[in-house]
Amino acid sequence: MKYFTTAYDTPDVLQLIQDAISLKENPNKFSEIGKNLTLGLVFMNPSLRTRLSTQKASQLLGMNSLLVNTSTDGWTLEFGDSPMNGTTVEHIKEAAGVMGEYCDIIGVRSFPGLTDREKDEREEILLQWMKHSGKPILSLESATRHPLQSLSDMMTIIENSKKKKPKVVLTWAPHVKAVPHAVANSFSEWMKFMDAEFVIACPDEVRLNEEYTTHATITNKQDEALEGADFVYVKSWAEWNNYGKYFSSNENWLLNQKKLSLTNDAKIMHCLPVRRDVEIQSEILESKNSLVMQQAGNRVYAAQTVLKKMIESNYPNHSEKITSKQFQNIKS
């Protein structure tokens, strides 16, 4: 696995999920597999869970990690082909190439601009890191997907499911601003591989790109969707047809106790960060139904499993390399 950017980058999604659940039982089992390898982490946007969980995952595998926040730690990057006579200082070709010189695997986080749908859908920024770094690339959330979050989500559903075929509802939530589609897209994409009844509840104005939802039942009636649900994933996202536009519904889409009572005592999920009492009622977040902390915890084992497979695929014999100290001993 050279790249991990979508569910389709792994040959067996269900096996990957099971591998992550198994690794969780003994996270120190492969503490030497990444020895002498360096993970580079490039954050072009803010992060808490993704940054910390991926760093911890690399440490559990024995890897070194280097981190760059491009907004504060590096030069302003240029991704186009025009003469650089403006505010950008360094081109992605050199920046990614340099990271490739220093790192063995590179993780990149880059949100969409939410102004140019075609550009965001093409994943221009992520693809340029893939093209110019020359190294395996791990998506830490891109313009269209968040695969590590989705792997963690699938783990969490399997760990908590009491049915062979649970009902899983992804419901849109209000927000104070336009929010990217990546988490919702990615969750929908990964649900294709799950044996579950999958329903998306959202206003018609914020229907997701059909590329990710062909297998889902889609409704604008939230209460009907919630009836009998075993899992409810709450997430906001911007309009897609009227791309990037902030949508404010006149209806009450906030998940509260009254709505929760319609479900089959559903477990509640959210990727975090969450706007309390805007997206979800605080009382629900702090209840026994909430899985948000387990989801966040699973991010470590999701990242660790993916990094392990990337190491095995791209550096199967790296531990046999002669270290500089051994080389000096040979010379003497």
Protein backbone atom coordinates (compact mmCIF):
# COMPACT_ATOMS: atom_id res chain seq x y z
CA MET A 1 0.00 0.00 0.00
CA LYS A 2 1.91 3.04 -1.26
CA TYR A 3 -0.91 5.50 -0.68
CA PHE A 4 -3.75 5.66 1.82
CA THR A 5 -6.18 8.31 0.65
CA THR A 6 -9.46 6.40 0.15
CA ALA A 7 -11.06 3.08 1.13
CA TYR A 8 -10.05 1.78 -2.29
CA ASP A 9 -6.33 2.05 -1.51
CA THR A 10 -6.56 -1.13 0.55
CA PRO A 11 -7.30 -4.48 -1.13
CA ASP A 12 -9.58 -5.67 1.69
CA VAL A 13 -11.38 -3.02 3.71
CA LEU A 14 -13.01 -5.42 6.16
CA GLN A 15 -9.69 -7.14 6.84
CA LEU A 16 -8.05 -3.77 7.48
CA ILE A 17 -10.75 -2.96 10.04
CA GLN A 18 -10.28 -6.31 11.76
CA ASP A 19 -6.52 -5.85 11.75
CA ALA A 20 -6.93 -2.52 13.52
CA ILE A 21 -9.24 -4.04 16.12
CA SER A 22 -6.74 -6.85 16.70
CA LEU A 23 -3.79 -4.47 16.95
CA LYS A 24 -5.67 -2.52 19.61
CA GLU A 25 -5.40 -5.56 21.90
CA ASN A 26 -1.60 -5.38 21.83
CA PRO A 27 -0.41 -2.04 20.42
CA ASN A 28 3.22 -2.65 21.46
CA LYS A 29 3.54 -5.87 19.47
CA PHE A 30 5.24 -4.22 16.48
CA SER A 31 7.39 -1.67 18.29
CA GLU A 32 10.46 -2.40 16.15
CA ILE A 33 8.92 -2.49 12.68
CA GLY A 34 9.42 1.23 12.07
CA LYS A 35 12.86 1.54 13.63
CA ASN A 36 15.13 3.92 11.68
CA LEU A 37 12.19 5.17 9.58
CA THR A 38 10.86 8.73 9.70
CA LEU A 39 7.27 9.86 9.34
CA GLY A 40 6.80 13.41 8.10
CA LEU A 41 3.55 15.13 9.07
CA VAL A 42 2.46 18.15 7.07
CA PHE A 43 -0.47 20.12 8.46
CA MET A 44 -1.81 22.81 6.20
CA ASN A 45 -4.85 23.12 8.49
CA PRO A 46 -5.48 22.81 12.25
CA SER A 47 -5.55 19.42 13.95
CA LEU A 48 -5.78 17.87 17.39
CA ARG A 49 -6.84 14.20 17.15
CA THR A 50 -5.20 13.55 13.77
CA ARG A 51 -1.90 15.08 14.79
CA LEU A 52 -1.63 13.44 18.20
CA SER A 53 -3.00 10.04 17.21
CA THR A 54 -0.73 9.74 14.17
CA GLN A 55 2.33 10.80 16.14
CA LYS A 56 1.52 8.29 18.87
CA ALA A 57 0.88 5.58 16.26
CA SER A 58 4.30 6.20 14.72
CA GLN A 59 5.95 6.02 18.15
CA LEU A 60 4.25 2.70 18.89
CA LEU A 61 5.88 1.36 15.71
CA GLY A 62 9.31 2.71 16.66
CA MET A 63 9.32 5.47 14.03
CA ASN A 64 10.72 8.96 14.30
CA SER A 65 8.38 11.79 13.34
CA LEU A 66 8.90 15.28 11.96
CA LEU A 67 6.05 17.78 12.00
CA VAL A 68 5.48 20.91 9.95
CA ASN A 69 2.57 23.33 10.33
CA THR A 70 2.81 25.16 7.04
CA SER A 71 0.97 28.23 8.32
CA THR A 72 3.66 28.91 10.93
CA ASP A 73 6.68 26.68 10.31
CA GLY A 74 7.31 26.92 6.59
CA TRP A 75 7.29 29.26 3.62
CA THR A 76 4.05 30.11 1.84
CA LEU A 77 3.60 27.41 -0.79
CA GLU A 78 2.87 27.82 -4.49
CA PHE A 79 0.94 25.07 -6.29
CA GLY A 80 0.47 26.67 -9.71
CA ASP A 81 2.67 27.25 -12.75
CA SER A 82 2.66 31.06 -12.90
CA PRO A 83 5.80 33.10 -12.18
CA MET A 84 6.20 33.41 -8.42
CA ASN A 85 6.13 37.20 -8.24
CA GLY A 86 3.41 37.36 -5.57
CA THR A 87 3.20 36.33 -1.93
CA THR A 88 4.22 32.67 -2.29
CA VAL A 89 7.84 31.86 -1.51
CA GLU A 90 8.41 28.16 -2.13
CA HIS A 91 6.96 25.86 -4.78
CA ILE A 92 5.39 22.54 -3.86
CA LYS A 93 7.86 20.83 -6.21
CA GLU A 94 10.79 21.80 -4.00
CA ALA A 95 8.94 21.60 -0.67
CA ALA A 96 7.59 18.11 -1.30
CA GLY A 97 10.91 17.01 -2.77
CA VAL A 98 12.77 18.16 0.32
CA MET A 99 10.30 16.36 2.60
CA GLY A 100 10.91 13.27 0.50
CA GLU A 101 14.64 13.57 1.18
CA TYR A 102 14.06 13.69 4.94
CA CYS A 103 11.13 11.31 5.37
CA ASP A 104 10.18 7.74 4.47
CA ILE A 105 6.40 8.22 4.70
CA ILE A 106 4.61 11.56 4.53
CA GLY A 107 1.21 12.40 5.99
CA VAL A 108 -0.61 15.43 4.56
CA ARG A 109 -3.62 17.34 5.88
CA SER A 110 -5.21 19.83 3.49
CA PHE A 111 -8.78 21.09 3.66
CA PRO A 112 -10.78 22.16 0.59
CA GLY A 113 -11.07 25.81 -0.36
CA LEU A 114 -14.86 25.36 -0.70
CA THR A 115 -14.89 27.88 -3.55
CA ASP A 116 -13.88 25.85 -6.62
CA ARG A 117 -15.65 22.49 -6.62
CA GLU A 118 -13.76 21.04 -9.58
CA LYS A 119 -10.40 21.96 -8.08
CA ASP A 120 -11.30 20.44 -4.71
CA GLU A 121 -12.73 17.28 -6.30
CA ARG A 122 -9.48 16.83 -8.27
CA GLU A 123 -7.52 16.82 -5.00
CA GLU A 124 -4.90 19.09 -6.55
CA ILE A 125 -2.93 19.70 -3.36
CA LEU A 126 -2.81 16.08 -2.20
CA LEU A 127 -1.89 14.87 -5.68
CA GLN A 128 1.00 17.30 -5.91
CA TRP A 129 2.43 15.98 -2.64
CA MET A 130 2.09 12.47 -4.06
CA LYS A 131 3.72 13.47 -7.34
CA HIS A 132 6.65 15.53 -6.09
CA SER A 133 7.65 13.88 -2.81
CA GLY A 134 8.48 10.50 -4.30
CA LYS A 135 7.40 8.83 -1.05
CA PRO A 136 4.35 6.94 0.24
CA ILE A 137 1.59 9.38 1.18
CA LEU A 138 -0.89 9.07 4.03
CA SER A 139 -3.96 11.33 3.91
CA LEU A 140 -4.59 13.10 7.20
CA GLU A 141 -7.78 14.56 5.64
CA SER A 142 -8.03 15.93 2.16
CA ALA A 143 -10.50 18.03 0.21
CA THR A 144 -12.87 15.11 -0.29
CA ARG A 145 -12.09 12.37 2.29
CA HIS A 146 -10.80 11.58 5.76
CA PRO A 147 -9.88 7.86 5.58
CA LEU A 148 -8.21 7.51 8.99
CA GLN A 149 -11.31 8.92 10.66
CA SER A 150 -13.50 6.51 8.70
CA LEU A 151 -11.36 3.50 9.60
CA SER A 152 -11.72 4.48 13.25
CA ASP A 153 -15.47 4.92 12.78
CA MET A 154 -15.87 1.45 11.27
CA MET A 155 -13.87 -0.06 14.14
CA THR A 156 -16.14 1.68 16.63
CA ILE A 157 -19.32 0.42 14.96
CA ILE A 158 -18.10 -3.18 14.86
CA GLU A 159 -16.93 -3.04 18.49
CA ASN A 160 -20.33 -1.79 19.67
CA SER A 161 -22.76 -3.52 17.33
CA LYS A 162 -25.23 -5.94 18.93
CA LYS A 163 -26.78 -6.90 15.60
CA LYS A 164 -25.47 -8.70 12.55
CA LYS A 165 -26.93 -5.91 10.38
CA PRO A 166 -27.34 -2.68 12.39
CA LYS A 167 -29.11 0.43 11.19
CA VAL A 168 -26.62 3.28 10.82
CA VAL A 169 -27.83 6.84 10.26
CA LEU A 170 -25.62 9.71 9.13
CA THR A 171 -27.53 12.86 9.99
CA TRP A 172 -26.70 16.41 8.97
CA ALA A 173 -26.39 18.91 11.80
CA PRO A 174 -26.54 22.69 12.07
CA HIS A 175 -23.33 24.69 12.37
CA VAL A 176 -22.18 28.30 12.53
CA LYS A 177 -20.23 28.14 9.26
CA ALA A 178 -19.78 26.13 6.07
CA VAL A 179 -18.00 22.86 6.89
CA PRO A 180 -16.13 20.58 4.44
CA HIS A 181 -17.68 17.37 3.09
CA ALA A 182 -14.67 15.13 3.72
CA VAL A 183 -15.84 13.30 6.85
CA ALA A 184 -19.36 12.72 5.53
CA ASN A 185 -18.08 11.64 2.11
CA SER A 186 -15.55 9.29 3.62
CA PHE A 187 -17.95 7.77 6.15
CA SER A 188 -20.42 7.09 3.35
CA GLU A 189 -17.71 5.56 1.18
CA TRP A 190 -16.57 3.17 3.90
CA MET A 191 -20.14 2.18 4.74
CA LYS A 192 -20.34 0.53 1.29
CA PHE A 193 -18.26 -2.30 2.71
CA MET A 194 -20.28 -2.77 5.90
CA ASP A 195 -23.20 -5.16 6.35
CA ALA A 196 -25.61 -2.51 7.60
CA GLU A 197 -28.75 -0.58 6.73
CA PHE A 198 -27.35 2.83 5.90
CA VAL A 199 -29.47 5.97 5.85
CA ILE A 200 -28.45 9.59 5.28
CA ALA A 201 -30.77 12.24 6.71
CA CYS A 202 -30.24 15.79 5.48
CA PRO A 203 -32.08 18.74 3.99
CA ASP A 204 -32.35 18.51 0.21
CA GLU A 205 -30.10 21.56 -0.12
CA VAL A 206 -27.11 19.74 1.39
CA ARG A 207 -27.28 16.37 -0.34
CA LEU A 208 -23.80 14.96 -0.77
CA ASN A 209 -22.06 14.16 -4.03
CA GLU A 210 -23.84 11.07 -5.39
CA GLU A 211 -20.45 9.44 -5.99
CA TYR A 212 -20.41 8.59 -2.28
CA THR A 213 -24.08 7.84 -1.61
CA THR A 214 -25.38 5.42 -4.27
CA HIS A 215 -25.71 2.64 -1.68
CA ALA A 216 -27.53 4.77 0.90
CA THR A 217 -31.17 5.56 1.52
CA ILE A 218 -31.41 9.35 1.53
CA THR A 219 -34.22 11.28 3.18
CA ASN A 220 -34.98 14.82 4.29
CA LYS A 221 -37.09 13.54 7.17
CA GLN A 222 -34.75 13.21 10.11
CA ASP A 223 -37.29 11.78 12.57
CA GLU A 224 -38.23 8.97 10.19
CA ALA A 225 -34.58 8.17 9.56
CA LEU A 226 -33.85 7.96 13.28
CA GLU A 227 -36.60 5.43 13.99
CA GLY A 228 -34.99 2.15 15.07
CA ALA A 229 -31.45 3.39 14.47
CA ASP A 230 -28.64 1.56 16.28
CA PHE A 231 -25.95 4.13 15.48
CA VAL A 232 -26.37 7.83 14.71
CA TYR A 233 -23.41 9.71 13.26
CA VAL A 234 -23.87 13.46 13.57
CA LYS A 235 -22.01 15.76 11.16
CA SER A 236 -22.45 19.10 9.47
CA TRP A 237 -21.39 19.88 5.91
CA ALA A 238 -21.81 22.66 3.37
CA GLU A 239 -23.92 22.57 0.23
CA TRP A 240 -22.47 20.58 -2.66
CA ASN A 241 -24.63 21.59 -5.63
CA ASN A 242 -24.33 25.25 -4.63
CA TYR A 243 -20.78 24.43 -3.69
CA GLY A 244 -19.41 25.58 -0.37
CA LYS A 245 -22.42 27.68 0.55
CA TYR A 246 -23.32 27.82 4.23
CA PHE A 247 -26.79 26.35 4.79
CA SER A 248 -28.94 27.35 7.74
CA SER A 249 -32.05 25.24 8.15
CA ASN A 250 -35.27 26.63 9.56
CA GLU A 251 -36.05 23.19 10.93
CA ASN A 252 -34.60 21.78 14.14
CA TRP A 253 -31.85 19.36 13.12
CA LEU A 254 -30.07 19.49 16.49
CA LEU A 255 -29.85 15.97 17.91
CA ASN A 256 -31.57 16.11 21.29
CA GLN A 257 -33.05 13.67 23.77
CA LYS A 258 -36.46 13.75 22.12
CA LYS A 259 -34.97 12.69 18.80
CA LEU A 260 -32.76 10.11 20.49
CA SER A 261 -35.88 8.50 21.98
CA LEU A 262 -36.96 7.59 18.43
CA THR A 263 -33.95 5.32 18.01
CA ASN A 264 -33.14 1.84 19.27
CA ASP A 265 -31.24 3.40 22.17
CA ALA A 266 -28.71 4.37 19.52
CA LYS A 267 -25.02 4.93 20.08
CA ILE A 268 -24.04 8.46 19.09
CA MET A 269 -20.96 9.25 17.03
CA HIS A 270 -19.16 12.42 15.97
CA CYS A 271 -15.64 12.93 14.63
CA LEU A 272 -14.96 15.97 16.89
CA PRO A 273 -14.53 18.83 17.39
CA VAL A 274 -18.24 19.29 18.07
CA ARG A 275 -20.30 22.43 18.62
CA ARG A 276 -22.15 21.58 21.82
CA ASP A 277 -25.85 22.41 21.79
CA VAL A 278 -25.60 23.40 18.14
CA GLU A 279 -24.94 20.00 16.54
CA ILE A 280 -25.63 17.73 19.52
CA GLN A 281 -27.19 18.34 22.88
CA SER A 282 -24.53 18.36 25.60
CA GLU A 283 -26.53 15.90 27.66
CA ILE A 284 -26.23 13.31 24.90
CA LEU A 285 -22.49 13.85 24.47
CA GLU A 286 -22.00 13.07 28.15
CA SER A 287 -24.40 10.12 28.24
CA LYS A 288 -23.77 6.38 28.07
CA ASN A 289 -24.89 6.50 24.44
CA SER A 290 -21.95 8.62 23.35
CA LEU A 291 -19.07 6.90 21.55
CA VAL A 292 -17.09 10.03 20.69
CA MET A 293 -14.22 9.24 23.07
CA GLN A 294 -13.93 5.68 21.84
CA GLN A 295 -13.86 6.97 18.26
CA ALA A 296 -11.07 9.37 19.18
CA GLY A 297 -9.15 6.63 20.97
CA ASN A 298 -9.44 4.33 17.99
CA ARG A 299 -7.72 6.92 15.84
CA VAL A 300 -4.38 5.72 17.27
CA TYR A 301 -4.90 2.11 16.23
CA ALA A 302 -6.33 3.06 12.86
CA ALA A 303 -3.22 5.10 12.07
CA GLN A 304 -0.91 2.47 13.53
CA THR A 305 -2.45 -0.28 11.39
CA VAL A 306 -2.19 1.78 8.20
CA LEU A 307 1.40 2.85 8.90
CA LYS A 308 2.35 -0.75 9.64
CA LYS A 309 0.97 -1.88 6.28
CA MET A 310 2.69 0.98 4.48
CA ILE A 311 6.00 0.01 6.07
CA GLU A 312 5.52 -3.65 5.17
CA SER A 313 4.66 -2.75 1.57
CA ASN A 314 7.34 -0.15 0.93
CA TYR A 315 10.19 -1.00 3.32
CA PRO A 316 10.03 -4.76 3.91
CA ASN A 317 13.78 -5.13 4.48
CA HIS A 318 14.65 -1.81 6.07
CA SER A 319 15.60 -3.37 9.42
CA GLU A 320 18.35 -5.32 7.67
CA LYS A 321 20.08 -2.16 6.45
CA ILE A 322 23.51 -1.49 7.88
CA THR A 323 23.40 1.42 10.30
CA SER A 324 26.10 4.08 10.28
CA LYS A 325 27.54 2.70 13.54
CA GLN A 326 27.73 -0.81 12.10
CA PHE A 327 29.35 0.63 8.98
CA GLN A 328 32.02 2.31 11.08
CA ASN A 329 32.70 -1.00 12.83
CA ILE A 330 33.09 -2.73 9.49
CA LYS A 331 35.51 -0.05 8.25
CA SER A 332 37.66 -0.37 11.36
